[in-house]
Amino acid sequence: MADEDSEKAAKAPSKPKKRRSSRGEPLAYGELKKPTNFTLTPFTRKWLKQLAKAENCSMSELLERWARNQLRVNVDFYRDSN
């Protein structure tokens, strides 16, 4: 029985460890993140949680990616329209 448990453990795929920043050192985007609170409906929170899981990131990182993409799209749009 012990052999079966060790075989299962050996076959289980290991998750890559998430990189965490050292205190005061930015990990991504070249700047430190600051805690921020949002009020969301339960539906939106569940939806964001599912999207973040599908993208293998946190809800915070998902919102960061979305916001940065939106900013880039809007800046490109306004730059091209002038």
C-alpha atoms as a PDB file:
ATOM      1  CA  MET A   1       0.000   0.000   0.000  1.00  0.00           C
ATOM      2  CA  ALA A   2       2.860   2.378   0.738  1.00  0.00           C
ATOM      3  CA  ASP A   3       4.216   1.633  -2.747  1.00  0.00           C
ATOM      4  CA  GLU A   4       0.864   2.626  -4.300  1.00  0.00           C
ATOM      5  CA  ASP A   5       0.863   5.955  -2.456  1.00  0.00           C
ATOM      6  CA  SER A   6       4.414   6.738  -3.536  1.00  0.00           C
ATOM      7  CA  GLU A   7       3.554   5.847  -7.152  1.00  0.00           C
ATOM      8  CA  LYS A   8       0.556   8.192  -7.088  1.00  0.00           C
ATOM      9  CA  ALA A   9       2.689  10.968  -5.659  1.00  0.00           C
ATOM     10  CA  ALA A  10       5.336  10.399  -8.333  1.00  0.00           C
ATOM     11  CA  LYS A  11       2.733  10.532 -11.141  1.00  0.00           C
ATOM     12  CA  ALA A  12       0.942  13.653  -9.898  1.00  0.00           C
ATOM     13  CA  PRO A  13       2.013  16.676 -11.941  1.00  0.00           C
ATOM     14  CA  SER A  14       3.693  19.304  -9.858  1.00  0.00           C
ATOM     15  CA  LYS A  15       2.464  22.866 -10.068  1.00  0.00           C
ATOM     16  CA  PRO A  16       5.083  25.458 -10.874  1.00  0.00           C
ATOM     17  CA  LYS A  17       5.808  27.599  -7.844  1.00  0.00           C
ATOM     18  CA  LYS A  18       4.580  31.152  -8.076  1.00  0.00           C
ATOM     19  CA  ARG A  19       7.297  33.756  -7.852  1.00  0.00           C
ATOM     20  CA  ARG A  20       6.833  36.128  -4.987  1.00  0.00           C
ATOM     21  CA  SER A  21       8.585  39.425  -4.656  1.00  0.00           C
ATOM     22  CA  SER A  22      10.833  40.199  -1.774  1.00  0.00           C
ATOM     23  CA  ARG A  23       9.513  42.955   0.423  1.00  0.00           C
ATOM     24  CA  GLY A  24       9.810  46.256  -1.389  1.00  0.00           C
ATOM     25  CA  GLU A  25      11.002  44.763  -4.686  1.00  0.00           C
ATOM     26  CA  PRO A  26       8.677  44.865  -7.693  1.00  0.00           C
ATOM     27  CA  LEU A  27       8.161  41.523  -9.425  1.00  0.00           C
ATOM     28  CA  ALA A  28       6.377  42.670 -12.564  1.00  0.00           C
ATOM     29  CA  TYR A  29       5.699  45.904 -14.402  1.00  0.00           C
ATOM     30  CA  GLY A  30       8.663  47.633 -12.741  1.00  0.00           C
ATOM     31  CA  GLU A  31       6.656  49.054  -9.864  1.00  0.00           C
ATOM     32  CA  LEU A  32       5.213  47.925  -6.554  1.00  0.00           C
ATOM     33  CA  LYS A  33       1.531  47.096  -6.328  1.00  0.00           C
ATOM     34  CA  LYS A  34      -0.600  48.731  -3.643  1.00  0.00           C
ATOM     35  CA  PRO A  35      -3.539  47.075  -1.898  1.00  0.00           C
ATOM     36  CA  THR A  36      -6.831  48.237  -3.422  1.00  0.00           C
ATOM     37  CA  ASN A  37     -10.423  47.328  -2.571  1.00  0.00           C
ATOM     38  CA  PHE A  38     -13.225  46.880  -5.083  1.00  0.00           C
ATOM     39  CA  THR A  39     -16.889  46.242  -4.486  1.00  0.00           C
ATOM     40  CA  LEU A  40     -18.287  43.700  -6.938  1.00  0.00           C
ATOM     41  CA  THR A  41     -21.499  41.787  -7.340  1.00  0.00           C
ATOM     42  CA  PRO A  42     -21.285  38.092  -6.456  1.00  0.00           C
ATOM     43  CA  PHE A  43     -21.759  37.208 -10.149  1.00  0.00           C
ATOM     44  CA  THR A  44     -18.835  39.386 -11.278  1.00  0.00           C
ATOM     45  CA  ARG A  45     -16.585  38.129  -8.487  1.00  0.00           C
ATOM     46  CA  LYS A  46     -17.337  34.509  -9.418  1.00  0.00           C
ATOM     47  CA  TRP A  47     -16.761  35.272 -13.115  1.00  0.00           C
ATOM     48  CA  LEU A  48     -13.405  36.987 -12.437  1.00  0.00           C
ATOM     49  CA  LYS A  49     -12.352  34.114 -10.183  1.00  0.00           C
ATOM     50  CA  GLN A  50     -13.135  31.584 -12.934  1.00  0.00           C
ATOM     51  CA  LEU A  51     -11.293  33.636 -15.568  1.00  0.00           C
ATOM     52  CA  ALA A  52      -8.273  34.015 -13.290  1.00  0.00           C
ATOM     53  CA  LYS A  53      -8.215  30.268 -12.649  1.00  0.00           C
ATOM     54  CA  ALA A  54      -8.387  29.602 -16.397  1.00  0.00           C
ATOM     55  CA  GLU A  55      -5.480  32.020 -16.938  1.00  0.00           C
ATOM     56  CA  ASN A  56      -3.569  30.485 -14.002  1.00  0.00           C
ATOM     57  CA  CYS A  57      -3.229  33.828 -12.218  1.00  0.00           C
ATOM     58  CA  SER A  58      -4.814  35.759  -9.363  1.00  0.00           C
ATOM     59  CA  MET A  59      -7.835  38.015  -9.766  1.00  0.00           C
ATOM     60  CA  SER A  60      -5.494  40.923  -9.050  1.00  0.00           C
ATOM     61  CA  GLU A  61      -3.163  39.922 -11.886  1.00  0.00           C
ATOM     62  CA  LEU A  62      -6.132  39.372 -14.222  1.00  0.00           C
ATOM     63  CA  LEU A  63      -7.397  42.902 -13.523  1.00  0.00           C
ATOM     64  CA  GLU A  64      -3.860  44.294 -13.949  1.00  0.00           C
ATOM     65  CA  ARG A  65      -3.533  42.627 -17.371  1.00  0.00           C
ATOM     66  CA  TRP A  66      -6.993  43.790 -18.438  1.00  0.00           C
ATOM     67  CA  ALA A  67      -6.391  47.392 -17.349  1.00  0.00           C
ATOM     68  CA  ARG A  68      -2.987  47.575 -19.037  1.00  0.00           C
ATOM     69  CA  ASN A  69      -4.439  46.113 -22.242  1.00  0.00           C
ATOM     70  CA  GLN A  70      -7.325  48.601 -22.171  1.00  0.00           C
ATOM     71  CA  LEU A  71      -4.917  51.490 -21.642  1.00  0.00           C
ATOM     72  CA  ARG A  72      -2.748  50.348 -24.551  1.00  0.00           C
ATOM     73  CA  VAL A  73      -5.759  49.964 -26.849  1.00  0.00           C
ATOM     74  CA  ASN A  74      -7.117  53.401 -25.904  1.00  0.00           C
ATOM     75  CA  VAL A  75      -3.737  55.129 -26.253  1.00  0.00           C
ATOM     76  CA  ASP A  76      -3.243  53.522 -29.682  1.00  0.00           C
ATOM     77  CA  PHE A  77      -6.773  54.531 -30.714  1.00  0.00           C
ATOM     78  CA  TYR A  78      -6.336  58.175 -29.688  1.00  0.00           C
ATOM     79  CA  ARG A  79      -2.831  58.371 -31.174  1.00  0.00           C
ATOM     80  CA  ASP A  80      -4.097  56.992 -34.527  1.00  0.00           C
ATOM     81  CA  SER A  81      -7.159  59.275 -34.624  1.00  0.00           C
ATOM     82  CA  ASN A  82      -5.142  62.522 -34.295  1.00  0.00           C
END
